[in-house]
C-alpha atoms as a PDB file:
ATOM      1  CA  MET A   1      -5.900   3.799  15.794  1.00  0.00           C
ATOM      2  CA  ARG A   2      -4.111   1.271  17.986  1.00  0.00           C
ATOM      3  CA  SER A   3      -3.995  -1.195  15.117  1.00  0.00           C
ATOM      4  CA  ALA A   4      -2.333   1.368  12.856  1.00  0.00           C
ATOM      5  CA  ALA A   5       0.290   2.195  15.487  1.00  0.00           C
ATOM      6  CA  ALA A   6       0.933  -1.481  16.169  1.00  0.00           C
ATOM      7  CA  ALA A   7       1.104  -2.224  12.429  1.00  0.00           C
ATOM      8  CA  ARG A   8       3.673   0.540  12.026  1.00  0.00           C
ATOM      9  CA  ARG A   9       5.814  -0.930  14.841  1.00  0.00           C
ATOM     10  CA  TYR A  10       5.682  -4.465  13.413  1.00  0.00           C
ATOM     11  CA  ALA A  11       6.387  -3.205   9.899  1.00  0.00           C
ATOM     12  CA  ARG A  12       9.295  -1.105  11.147  1.00  0.00           C
ATOM     13  CA  ALA A  13      10.790  -4.121  12.929  1.00  0.00           C
ATOM     14  CA  LEU A  14      10.447  -6.324   9.841  1.00  0.00           C
ATOM     15  CA  PHE A  15      11.845  -3.568   7.641  1.00  0.00           C
ATOM     16  CA  ALA A  16      14.858  -3.134   9.938  1.00  0.00           C
ATOM     17  CA  LEU A  17      15.513  -6.871   9.729  1.00  0.00           C
ATOM     18  CA  ALA A  18      15.100  -6.853   5.934  1.00  0.00           C
ATOM     19  CA  ARG A  19      17.478  -3.931   5.601  1.00  0.00           C
ATOM     20  CA  GLU A  20      20.019  -5.614   7.851  1.00  0.00           C
ATOM     21  CA  GLU A  21      19.817  -8.724   5.644  1.00  0.00           C
ATOM     22  CA  ASN A  22      19.841  -6.538   2.485  1.00  0.00           C
ATOM     23  CA  ARG A  23      16.574  -8.200   1.383  1.00  0.00           C
ATOM     24  CA  VAL A  24      14.047  -5.365   1.400  1.00  0.00           C
ATOM     25  CA  ALA A  25      12.645  -6.081  -2.078  1.00  0.00           C
ATOM     26  CA  GLU A  26      12.567  -9.865  -1.588  1.00  0.00           C
ATOM     27  CA  ILE A  27      10.672  -9.621   1.691  1.00  0.00           C
ATOM     28  CA  ARG A  28       8.273  -7.154   0.109  1.00  0.00           C
ATOM     29  CA  GLY A  29       7.598  -9.741  -2.581  1.00  0.00           C
ATOM     30  CA  GLU A  30       7.057 -12.477   0.013  1.00  0.00           C
ATOM     31  CA  LEU A  31       4.524 -10.328   1.841  1.00  0.00           C
ATOM     32  CA  GLN A  32       2.748  -9.643  -1.445  1.00  0.00           C
ATOM     33  CA  GLN A  33       2.624 -13.361  -2.278  1.00  0.00           C
ATOM     34  CA  LEU A  34       0.859 -14.096   0.988  1.00  0.00           C
ATOM     35  CA  ALA A  35      -1.535 -11.172   0.503  1.00  0.00           C
ATOM     36  CA  ASP A  36      -2.386 -12.503  -2.976  1.00  0.00           C
ATOM     37  CA  LEU A  37      -2.996 -15.953  -1.516  1.00  0.00           C
ATOM     38  CA  PHE A  38      -5.313 -14.536   1.155  1.00  0.00           C
ATOM     39  CA  ALA A  39      -7.205 -12.598  -1.520  1.00  0.00           C
ATOM     40  CA  ALA A  40      -7.561 -15.716  -3.684  1.00  0.00           C
ATOM     41  CA  SER A  41      -8.806 -18.022  -0.920  1.00  0.00           C
ATOM     42  CA  ARG A  42     -11.466 -16.710   1.412  1.00  0.00           C
ATOM     43  CA  GLU A  43     -11.494 -20.024   3.303  1.00  0.00           C
ATOM     44  CA  LEU A  44      -7.776 -19.776   4.043  1.00  0.00           C
ATOM     45  CA  HIS A  45      -8.139 -16.149   5.058  1.00  0.00           C
ATOM     46  CA  ASP A  46     -10.994 -16.951   7.432  1.00  0.00           C
ATOM     47  CA  ALA A  47      -9.233 -19.990   8.911  1.00  0.00           C
ATOM     48  CA  LEU A  48      -6.127 -17.986   9.760  1.00  0.00           C
ATOM     49  CA  PHE A  49      -7.666 -14.647  10.708  1.00  0.00           C
ATOM     50  CA  ARG A  50     -10.533 -15.886  12.845  1.00  0.00           C
ATOM     51  CA  PRO A  51      -9.422 -17.287  16.197  1.00  0.00           C
ATOM     52  CA  LEU A  52     -11.676 -20.351  15.937  1.00  0.00           C
ATOM     53  CA  HIS A  53      -8.665 -22.628  15.542  1.00  0.00           C
ATOM     54  CA  PRO A  54      -5.931 -23.017  18.163  1.00  0.00           C
ATOM     55  CA  VAL A  55      -2.863 -20.821  17.757  1.00  0.00           C
ATOM     56  CA  ALA A  56      -0.604 -23.839  17.221  1.00  0.00           C
ATOM     57  CA  GLU A  57      -2.789 -25.035  14.324  1.00  0.00           C
ATOM     58  CA  ARG A  58      -2.876 -21.619  12.659  1.00  0.00           C
ATOM     59  CA  ARG A  59       0.883 -21.231  13.123  1.00  0.00           C
ATOM     60  CA  ALA A  60       1.494 -24.665  11.543  1.00  0.00           C
ATOM     61  CA  VAL A  61      -0.777 -23.900   8.580  1.00  0.00           C
ATOM     62  CA  LEU A  62       0.833 -20.523   7.961  1.00  0.00           C
ATOM     63  CA  ARG A  63       4.339 -21.988   8.318  1.00  0.00           C
ATOM     64  CA  GLU A  64       3.483 -24.685   5.746  1.00  0.00           C
ATOM     65  CA  ILE A  65       2.054 -22.123   3.334  1.00  0.00           C
ATOM     66  CA  ALA A  66       5.093 -19.879   3.748  1.00  0.00           C
ATOM     67  CA  THR A  67       7.398 -22.841   3.116  1.00  0.00           C
ATOM     68  CA  ARG A  68       5.501 -23.774  -0.053  1.00  0.00           C
ATOM     69  CA  LEU A  69       5.693 -20.173  -1.242  1.00  0.00           C
ATOM     70  CA  GLY A  70       9.442 -20.270  -0.679  1.00  0.00           C
ATOM     71  CA  ALA A  71       9.354 -17.584   2.004  1.00  0.00           C
ATOM     72  CA  SER A  72      12.547 -16.919   3.888  1.00  0.00           C
ATOM     73  CA  ALA A  73      13.066 -18.033   7.481  1.00  0.00           C
ATOM     74  CA  SER A  74      12.767 -14.402   8.584  1.00  0.00           C
ATOM     75  CA  VAL A  75       9.336 -14.055   7.036  1.00  0.00           C
ATOM     76  CA  ARG A  76       8.153 -17.460   8.272  1.00  0.00           C
ATOM     77  CA  ASN A  77       9.200 -16.513  11.800  1.00  0.00           C
ATOM     78  CA  PHE A  78       7.526 -13.124  11.408  1.00  0.00           C
ATOM     79  CA  TYR A  79       4.228 -14.777  10.424  1.00  0.00           C
ATOM     80  CA  SER A  80       4.434 -17.088  13.444  1.00  0.00           C
ATOM     81  CA  TYR A  81       5.148 -14.136  15.691  1.00  0.00           C
ATOM     82  CA  LEU A  82       2.106 -12.278  14.331  1.00  0.00           C
ATOM     83  CA  ILE A  83      -0.101 -15.255  15.147  1.00  0.00           C
ATOM     84  CA  ASP A  84       1.404 -15.570  18.644  1.00  0.00           C
ATOM     85  CA  GLN A  85       0.799 -11.876  19.289  1.00  0.00           C
ATOM     86  CA  ARG A  86      -2.710 -12.031  17.789  1.00  0.00           C
ATOM     87  CA  ARG A  87      -1.695  -9.475  15.174  1.00  0.00           C
ATOM     88  CA  LEU A  88      -2.256 -11.426  11.980  1.00  0.00           C
ATOM     89  CA  VAL A  89      -5.518  -9.471  11.698  1.00  0.00           C
ATOM     90  CA  ASP A  90      -3.320  -6.418  11.056  1.00  0.00           C
ATOM     91  CA  PHE A  91      -1.454  -8.135   8.207  1.00  0.00           C
ATOM     92  CA  ASP A  92      -2.755  -5.789   5.475  1.00  0.00           C
ATOM     93  CA  LEU A  93      -1.840  -2.710   7.510  1.00  0.00           C
ATOM     94  CA  ILE A  94       1.575  -4.152   8.338  1.00  0.00           C
ATOM     95  CA  ARG A  95       2.250  -4.948   4.676  1.00  0.00           C
ATOM     96  CA  SER A  96       1.141  -1.468   3.650  1.00  0.00           C
ATOM     97  CA  GLU A  97       3.407   0.164   6.249  1.00  0.00           C
ATOM     98  CA  TYR A  98       6.316  -2.076   5.228  1.00  0.00           C
ATOM     99  CA  GLU A  99       5.849  -0.952   1.620  1.00  0.00           C
ATOM    100  CA  ARG A 100       5.831   2.676   2.744  1.00  0.00           C
ATOM    101  CA  PHE A 101       9.111   2.176   4.639  1.00  0.00           C
ATOM    102  CA  ALA A 102      10.640   0.408   1.628  1.00  0.00           C
ATOM    103  CA  ASP A 103       9.525   3.172  -0.747  1.00  0.00           C
ATOM    104  CA  THR A 104      10.853   5.906   1.519  1.00  0.00           C
ATOM    105  CA  ASP A 105      14.170   4.091   1.864  1.00  0.00           C
ATOM    106  CA  ALA A 106      14.413   3.832  -1.926  1.00  0.00           C
ATOM    107  CA  GLY A 107      13.563   7.537  -2.357  1.00  0.00           C
ATOM    108  CA  LEU A 108      10.248   6.646  -3.962  1.00  0.00           C
ATOM    109  CA  MET A 109       6.852   8.173  -3.291  1.00  0.00           C
ATOM    110  CA  ARG A 110       3.519   6.762  -4.343  1.00  0.00           C
ATOM    111  CA  ALA A 111       0.899   9.005  -5.843  1.00  0.00           C
ATOM    112  CA  ASP A 112      -2.749   8.046  -5.665  1.00  0.00           C
ATOM    113  CA  VAL A 113      -4.276   9.432  -8.827  1.00  0.00           C
ATOM    114  CA  VAL A 114      -7.975   9.532  -9.635  1.00  0.00           C
ATOM    115  CA  ALA A 115      -8.722  10.309 -13.278  1.00  0.00           C
ATOM    116  CA  ALA A 116     -12.005  10.882 -15.062  1.00  0.00           C
ATOM    117  CA  SER A 117     -10.962   8.454 -17.809  1.00  0.00           C
ATOM    118  CA  PRO A 118      -8.084   6.031 -18.381  1.00  0.00           C
ATOM    119  CA  LEU A 119      -4.716   7.728 -18.921  1.00  0.00           C
ATOM    120  CA  ASP A 120      -2.616   6.727 -21.901  1.00  0.00           C
ATOM    121  CA  PRO A 121       1.094   5.975 -21.328  1.00  0.00           C
ATOM    122  CA  ALA A 122       2.209   9.456 -22.464  1.00  0.00           C
ATOM    123  CA  GLN A 123      -0.226  11.146 -20.047  1.00  0.00           C
ATOM    124  CA  ARG A 124       0.920   8.881 -17.218  1.00  0.00           C
ATOM    125  CA  GLU A 125       4.555   9.716 -17.880  1.00  0.00           C
ATOM    126  CA  ARG A 126       3.899  13.478 -18.079  1.00  0.00           C
ATOM    127  CA  LEU A 127       1.979  13.339 -14.801  1.00  0.00           C
ATOM    128  CA  ARG A 128       4.656  11.192 -13.147  1.00  0.00           C
ATOM    129  CA  ARG A 129       7.416  13.611 -14.236  1.00  0.00           C
ATOM    130  CA  ALA A 130       5.434  16.652 -13.088  1.00  0.00           C
ATOM    131  CA  LEU A 131       4.782  15.122  -9.661  1.00  0.00           C
ATOM    132  CA  SER A 132       8.419  14.017  -9.366  1.00  0.00           C
ATOM    133  CA  THR A 133       9.564  17.545 -10.151  1.00  0.00           C
ATOM    134  CA  ARG A 134       7.106  19.045  -7.664  1.00  0.00           C
ATOM    135  CA  THR A 135       8.023  16.665  -4.828  1.00  0.00           C
ATOM    136  CA  GLY A 136      11.745  16.368  -5.568  1.00  0.00           C
ATOM    137  CA  ARG A 137      11.498  12.565  -5.371  1.00  0.00           C
ATOM    138  CA  GLU A 138      10.812   9.735  -7.745  1.00  0.00           C
ATOM    139  CA  VAL A 139       7.057   9.124  -7.948  1.00  0.00           C
ATOM    140  CA  GLU A 140       5.172   5.961  -8.846  1.00  0.00           C
ATOM    141  CA  LEU A 141       1.533   6.318  -9.885  1.00  0.00           C
ATOM    142  CA  ASP A 142      -1.422   4.276  -8.682  1.00  0.00           C
ATOM    143  CA  VAL A 143      -4.186   5.346 -11.074  1.00  0.00           C
ATOM    144  CA  LYS A 144      -7.888   4.706 -10.574  1.00  0.00           C
ATOM    145  CA  VAL A 145     -10.706   5.861 -12.834  1.00  0.00           C
ATOM    146  CA  ASP A 146     -13.739   7.709 -11.475  1.00  0.00           C
ATOM    147  CA  PRO A 147     -16.111   8.963 -14.194  1.00  0.00           C
ATOM    148  CA  SER A 148     -17.910  11.188 -11.658  1.00  0.00           C
ATOM    149  CA  LEU A 149     -14.938  13.589 -11.872  1.00  0.00           C
ATOM    150  CA  LEU A 150     -16.240  14.788 -15.273  1.00  0.00           C
ATOM    151  CA  GLY A 151     -12.692  15.560 -16.425  1.00  0.00           C
ATOM    152  CA  GLY A 152      -9.117  16.052 -15.228  1.00  0.00           C
ATOM    153  CA  VAL A 153      -7.262  14.313 -12.413  1.00  0.00           C
ATOM    154  CA  VAL A 154      -6.782  14.521  -8.650  1.00  0.00           C
ATOM    155  CA  ALA A 155      -3.385  13.396  -7.353  1.00  0.00           C
ATOM    156  CA  SER A 156      -2.411  12.784  -3.757  1.00  0.00           C
ATOM    157  CA  VAL A 157       1.301  12.458  -2.969  1.00  0.00           C
ATOM    158  CA  GLY A 158       2.153  12.142   0.700  1.00  0.00           C
ATOM    159  CA  THR A 159       0.429  15.096   2.349  1.00  0.00           C
ATOM    160  CA  LEU A 160       0.130  17.067  -0.903  1.00  0.00           C
ATOM    161  CA  LEU A 161      -3.102  17.158  -2.881  1.00  0.00           C
ATOM    162  CA  PHE A 162      -3.176  18.359  -6.489  1.00  0.00           C
ATOM    163  CA  ASP A 163      -6.739  18.856  -7.686  1.00  0.00           C
ATOM    164  CA  GLY A 164      -6.914  19.429 -11.421  1.00  0.00           C
ATOM    165  CA  SER A 165     -10.438  18.087 -11.782  1.00  0.00           C
ATOM    166  CA  LEU A 166     -12.937  19.817 -14.019  1.00  0.00           C
ATOM    167  CA  ARG A 167     -15.386  20.015 -11.105  1.00  0.00           C
ATOM    168  CA  THR A 168     -12.877  22.002  -8.996  1.00  0.00           C
ATOM    169  CA  GLN A 169     -11.988  24.264 -11.915  1.00  0.00           C
ATOM    170  CA  LEU A 170     -15.690  25.004 -12.530  1.00  0.00           C
ATOM    171  CA  THR A 171     -16.219  25.692  -8.814  1.00  0.00           C
ATOM    172  CA  GLN A 172     -13.289  28.124  -8.820  1.00  0.00           C
ATOM    173  CA  LEU A 173     -14.607  29.799 -11.976  1.00  0.00           C
ATOM    174  CA  ARG A 174     -18.070  30.172 -10.397  1.00  0.00           C
ATOM    175  CA  ALA A 175     -16.563  31.709  -7.249  1.00  0.00           C
ATOM    176  CA  SER A 176     -14.485  34.088  -9.336  1.00  0.00           C
ATOM    177  CA  LEU A 177     -17.492  35.173 -11.450  1.00  0.00           C
ATOM    178  CA  THR A 178     -19.744  35.703  -8.426  1.00  0.00           C
ATOM    179  CA  LYS A 179     -17.106  37.951  -6.825  1.00  0.00           C
ATOM    180  CA  GLY A 180     -17.146  40.068  -9.987  1.00  0.00           C
ATOM    181  CA  GLN A 181     -13.493  39.546 -10.862  1.00  0.00           C
END
C-alpha cells in the first residue's frame, strides 16, 4: 500500500511539472518508451531494479539510456531522482498513475473490458459510445478476451462495473425462476 501511495505522489509531481511545461503527452510517451525498453530487455531491467550495482552506476546507465531515447531533461532528472530515492522499483506504478492523471486532465476515462470473443470495430464503437454516454466522459477501451465468460462483456470504468456477461444473465434468470417470478 505504501508503494501505491508513494507512486501516486511521484506521478503527481511529474504530472504537475509536465503540465507546467505543457508537455503532458510527450512525457507520457517518454515514460512508455522506457517501459517498453524494460519489457524488451530483462537484463537491463534486472541491472537497474536490483540494488546489486551502486546507485551512481545505475543512475549513469539510466541517464545514458534516457539520452539515447531522446528523453527530455525533466524526465532524465526524474529517473535519476527515482534511483536516488530507491523508488525505481515503483516505476510501473508511477507510470500507471501518471497516465491516470493525464487521462483525467484530458477528460478521458479508460474502460477495462473483458469479452468472451474478439469485438469487431462496430461493436467496440457501440460499446465505447454507450460507456461514454453513461459516464458523461470520453471513454477509451482496453479490451481483453476471456473465453470462460461464455458470452457478452464485462466493463469496468472507474468505480463502475457493467456486467453483461452471459454467466451473470443466466445466474439472474435462475434466481428469478427459483423465486417463482
